[in-house]
Protein backbone atom coordinates (compact mmCIF):
# COMPACT_ATOMS: atom_id res chain seq x y z
CA MET A 1 31.53 99.44 144.30
CA THR A 2 28.04 99.59 145.80
CA LEU A 3 24.93 98.95 143.74
CA PHE A 4 24.00 102.61 144.03
CA GLU A 5 27.36 103.65 142.63
CA GLN A 6 26.97 101.09 139.87
CA PHE A 7 23.55 102.28 138.79
CA SER A 8 23.71 106.02 139.56
CA PRO A 9 25.02 106.86 136.04
CA ILE A 10 21.88 105.25 134.63
CA LEU A 11 19.65 107.08 137.09
CA GLN A 12 21.24 110.36 136.00
CA SER A 13 21.33 109.61 132.28
CA ASP A 14 19.50 111.62 129.63
CA ILE A 15 16.88 108.88 129.45
CA PRO A 16 15.09 108.53 132.84
CA ALA A 17 14.71 104.98 134.14
CA THR A 18 11.34 103.31 133.64
CA VAL A 19 9.56 100.36 135.24
CA ARG A 20 11.43 97.13 134.45
CA ASP A 21 14.09 99.15 132.66
CA PRO A 22 16.50 96.55 131.20
CA ARG A 23 19.41 98.76 132.22
CA LEU A 24 18.47 98.17 135.86
CA LEU A 25 18.07 94.38 135.73
CA LEU A 26 19.86 92.83 138.71
CA ASP A 27 18.93 89.17 138.50
CA SER A 28 16.63 86.78 136.73
CA GLN A 29 15.63 83.16 137.11
CA ASP A 30 12.92 81.41 135.13
CA ASP A 31 9.91 83.79 135.24
CA LEU A 32 11.36 85.96 138.02
CA SER A 33 13.22 89.20 137.49
CA VAL A 34 14.79 91.56 140.05
CA TYR A 35 15.47 95.21 139.21
CA TYR A 36 17.51 97.85 140.92
CA ALA A 37 15.86 100.81 142.66
CA PRO A 38 17.55 102.91 145.38
CA PHE A 39 15.97 101.46 148.51
CA GLU A 40 19.18 100.86 150.48
CA TYR A 41 18.92 103.62 153.07
CA THR A 42 18.31 102.39 156.62
CA ASN A 43 17.29 104.76 159.39
CA PRO A 44 18.94 103.48 162.59
CA LYS A 45 16.83 105.87 164.73
CA ALA A 46 13.52 104.48 163.49
CA LYS A 47 10.87 103.57 166.05
CA ILE A 48 8.50 101.95 163.56
CA VAL A 49 9.34 99.70 160.61
CA LEU A 50 6.65 99.10 158.00
CA VAL A 51 7.31 95.88 156.11
CA GLY A 52 5.91 95.10 152.66
CA ILE A 53 6.69 92.27 150.25
CA THR A 54 8.64 94.10 147.54
CA PRO A 55 8.51 97.61 146.05
CA GLY A 56 5.92 97.88 143.29
CA PRO A 57 6.15 99.79 140.00
CA THR A 58 4.95 103.10 141.48
CA GLN A 59 7.42 102.94 144.35
CA MET A 60 10.20 101.93 141.95
CA VAL A 61 9.63 104.87 139.62
CA ASN A 62 9.18 107.37 142.44
CA ALA A 63 12.41 106.28 144.14
CA ASN A 64 14.36 106.33 140.89
CA ASN A 65 13.07 109.77 139.97
CA GLU A 66 13.85 111.21 143.40
CA ALA A 67 17.37 109.78 143.36
CA ARG A 68 17.83 111.30 139.92
CA ARG A 69 16.68 114.73 141.11
CA SER A 70 18.86 114.55 144.19
CA LEU A 71 21.99 113.51 142.32
CA ILE A 72 21.53 116.11 139.60
CA ALA A 73 21.11 118.71 142.36
CA GLY A 74 24.61 117.81 143.55
CA ASN A 75 23.82 115.71 146.62
CA ASN A 76 26.07 112.85 147.66
CA ALA A 77 25.09 109.19 147.43
CA ILE A 78 23.89 108.84 151.03
CA THR A 79 21.65 111.91 150.78
CA ALA A 80 20.28 110.79 147.42
CA MET A 81 19.48 107.32 148.76
CA LYS A 82 17.82 108.82 151.83
CA HIS A 83 15.65 111.09 149.68
CA ALA A 84 14.76 108.20 147.37
CA LYS A 85 13.75 105.92 150.24
CA GLU A 86 11.65 108.59 151.98
CA THR A 87 9.90 109.50 148.74
CA GLY A 88 9.40 106.03 147.30
CA GLY A 89 8.45 104.00 150.36
CA PHE A 90 4.75 103.04 150.18
CA SER A 91 4.19 105.98 147.85
CA GLY A 92 1.30 106.49 145.46
CA GLU A 93 -2.40 106.73 146.09
CA PRO A 94 -4.48 105.29 147.60
CA MET A 95 -1.65 103.22 149.12
CA ARG A 96 -0.19 105.90 151.37
CA SER A 97 -3.59 107.25 152.44
CA ASN A 98 -4.76 103.73 153.28
CA LEU A 99 -1.63 103.17 155.31
CA ILE A 100 -2.06 106.39 157.28
CA LYS A 101 -5.69 105.46 158.04
CA GLU A 102 -4.59 102.15 159.53
CA LEU A 103 -1.76 103.71 161.53
CA ASN A 104 -4.14 106.28 163.01
CA ASP A 105 -6.75 103.62 163.75
CA TRP A 106 -4.22 101.61 165.74
CA GLY A 107 -3.03 104.72 167.56
CA ILE A 108 0.51 104.75 166.20
CA HIS A 109 0.52 108.56 166.24
CA LYS A 110 -0.40 108.60 169.93
CA TRP A 111 2.36 106.14 170.76
CA LEU A 112 4.87 108.33 168.92
CA ARG A 113 3.33 111.53 170.34
CA LEU A 114 2.31 112.90 166.96
CA GLN A 115 -0.85 114.71 165.94
CA ASP A 116 -1.36 112.41 162.96
CA SER A 117 0.46 109.46 161.42
CA SER A 118 0.87 111.40 158.18
CA GLU A 119 3.72 113.21 159.96
CA LEU A 120 5.79 110.03 159.57
CA PHE A 121 6.02 110.92 155.88
CA SER A 122 6.76 114.60 156.45
CA SER A 123 7.98 116.31 159.63
CA SER A 124 8.71 113.10 161.58
CA LYS A 125 10.47 110.99 158.95
CA ASP A 126 13.23 110.33 161.47
CA LEU A 127 10.88 107.94 163.33
CA LEU A 128 10.09 105.77 160.31
CA GLN A 129 11.74 103.03 158.31
CA THR A 130 9.87 101.70 155.31
CA THR A 131 11.17 98.45 153.95
CA SER A 132 10.31 95.24 152.12
CA LEU A 133 11.17 91.61 152.66
CA LEU A 134 12.69 91.79 149.19
CA ARG A 135 14.52 95.12 149.07
CA TYR A 136 14.54 95.46 145.30
CA PRO A 137 11.52 95.31 142.96
CA VAL A 138 10.64 91.74 141.97
CA PHE A 139 8.38 90.79 139.09
CA ILE A 140 7.10 87.46 137.84
CA ASN A 141 6.22 87.27 134.15
CA ASN A 142 6.53 91.09 134.17
CA ARG A 143 3.76 91.36 136.75
CA ASP A 144 3.93 92.34 140.41
CA TYR A 145 5.31 89.64 142.67
CA ARG A 146 2.72 88.92 145.39
CA GLY A 147 4.33 86.08 147.29
CA GLN A 148 4.49 83.16 144.87
CA PRO A 149 6.81 81.37 144.54
CA ASN A 150 7.50 81.33 148.27
CA MET A 151 10.59 83.46 148.90
CA LEU A 152 11.81 81.10 151.61
CA LYS A 153 11.84 78.18 149.19
CA ASN A 154 13.01 79.88 146.00
CA PRO A 155 16.86 80.12 145.98
CA LEU A 156 17.01 83.50 144.24
CA LEU A 157 14.42 85.19 146.44
CA ARG A 158 15.70 83.56 149.61
CA ARG A 159 19.12 85.03 148.92
CA TYR A 160 17.69 88.53 148.60
CA LEU A 161 15.60 88.07 151.74
CA PHE A 162 18.56 87.04 153.89
CA ASP A 163 21.26 89.18 152.27
CA TYR A 164 19.31 92.40 152.79
CA PHE A 165 16.20 92.30 154.99
CA VAL A 166 17.52 89.91 157.63
CA LYS A 167 20.81 91.81 157.85
CA ASP A 168 18.96 95.14 158.12
CA ILE A 169 17.05 93.87 161.16
CA ASN A 170 20.22 94.05 163.23
CA SER A 171 20.58 97.79 162.65
CA LEU A 172 17.02 98.51 163.82
CA GLU A 173 17.24 97.30 167.40
CA GLY A 174 14.99 99.95 168.93
CA ALA A 175 12.11 99.63 166.48
CA LEU A 176 8.82 97.76 166.24
CA PHE A 177 8.12 95.88 163.01
CA PHE A 178 4.67 95.99 161.40
CA PRO A 179 4.27 93.46 158.57
CA LEU A 180 1.60 94.64 156.14
CA GLY A 181 -0.71 91.91 154.91
CA SER A 182 -0.86 88.15 155.29
CA THR A 183 2.07 87.31 153.00
CA ALA A 184 4.54 89.56 154.83
CA THR A 185 3.19 88.29 158.15
CA LYS A 186 3.72 84.64 157.22
CA ILE A 187 7.34 85.25 156.23
CA ILE A 188 8.01 87.30 159.37
CA ASN A 189 6.56 84.47 161.47
CA GLU A 190 8.93 82.02 159.80
CA LEU A 191 11.86 84.34 160.50
CA ILE A 192 10.76 84.46 164.15
CA LYS A 193 10.84 80.65 164.28
CA GLN A 194 14.35 80.72 162.82
CA GLY A 195 15.51 83.23 165.41
CA ALA A 196 16.16 86.01 162.91
CA ILE A 197 13.79 88.44 164.62
CA ASP A 198 12.38 88.71 168.15
CA SER A 199 8.63 88.09 168.32
CA GLU A 200 8.32 90.88 170.90
CA LYS A 201 9.37 93.37 168.22
CA VAL A 202 6.62 92.34 165.77
CA MET A 203 3.11 93.78 165.71
CA SER A 204 1.00 91.78 163.25
CA GLY A 205 -2.51 92.35 161.93
CA MET A 206 -2.40 95.35 159.62
CA CYS A 207 -3.86 94.99 156.15
CA HIS A 208 -1.67 95.66 153.14
CA PRO A 209 -2.50 99.24 152.03
CA SER A 210 -2.87 98.35 148.36
CA GLY A 211 -5.75 99.99 146.53
CA ASN A 212 -7.24 96.51 146.17
CA ASN A 213 -7.77 96.53 149.93
CA THR A 214 -9.31 100.00 150.26
CA TYR A 215 -12.79 98.60 150.86
CA ARG A 216 -11.44 96.30 153.59
CA ILE A 217 -9.54 99.10 155.31
CA ASN A 218 -12.58 101.37 155.19
CA TYR A 219 -14.57 98.61 156.86
CA PHE A 220 -11.89 97.98 159.51
CA ILE A 221 -11.71 101.63 160.55
CA GLY A 222 -15.43 102.34 160.09
CA ASP A 223 -18.44 101.80 162.32
CA ARG A 224 -18.83 98.16 161.20
CA ALA A 225 -22.58 98.66 160.63
CA ALA A 226 -22.42 97.20 157.13
CA ALA A 227 -21.99 93.52 156.39
CA ILE A 228 -18.42 92.18 156.44
CA PRO A 229 -17.01 92.58 152.90
CA HIS A 230 -16.44 89.49 150.76
CA ALA A 231 -13.28 87.51 151.58
CA THR A 232 -12.52 89.75 154.58
CA ASN A 233 -11.61 88.50 158.03
CA PRO A 234 -11.40 91.35 160.57
CA GLN A 235 -10.22 89.06 163.36
CA SER A 236 -6.47 89.39 162.71
CA TYR A 237 -6.75 93.16 162.33
CA ASP A 238 -8.81 93.57 165.49
CA GLN A 239 -6.57 91.29 167.55
CA GLY A 240 -3.42 93.05 166.38
CA ARG A 241 -4.87 96.48 167.08
CA GLN A 242 -6.05 95.47 170.52
CA TYR A 243 -2.70 93.92 171.40
CA PHE A 244 -0.80 97.01 170.31
CA ARG A 245 -3.11 99.37 172.16
CA SER A 246 -3.03 97.33 175.37
CA LYS A 247 0.76 97.16 175.32
CA PHE A 248 1.68 100.68 174.22
CA LEU A 249 -1.30 102.95 174.83
CA LYS A 250 -2.07 102.22 178.47
């Protein structure tokens, strides 16, 4: 039995699933807890893979709710998982808007021959795979997990990283991977060193699209006339953007 089959009765129950719903608890260790949300679907035709750390509360709820709607409508498991992944991945505002701004600034839409990167979340979903290093929502002391403890050193998190993300890499041979933020980038770089992913497939430098980074993203894509915001280093972003443009937008 797959995890989706195991948890689909809960997703369809009279009481909709909530954030950190105890009925969806997958694993726990010390202060860490891992919950189920339907993020299994992998798009083998994807050209771009956006990589976060772990789904947050908004993404968790949105994916659960969409899977619920899809199942109640009579769709099969694969269709329901696909709908849930497309709806939940990097959902919520300003996260998705921030992400689209960065993608457009780098020229992702031009590379994919789109009018705008927002099409990746609508008419051109077939080109996109959203994913996380940790497929299922992880919390520490009931708060968002942001990279500590290190998932490569923590036995529980390392297992989830290798059992899901690393295995998924093999089914996305024709795609470029874009880690979002410094934490995802550091882990991806370690996986490159271990031979789990080809460095030529990774385009680093994008900022995580969290609302906490809106002011940074607005600076990155703006005219740069204002002073550099506090605790902001545009060098990685600029280098990544330039490398991508020089390689794919000649």
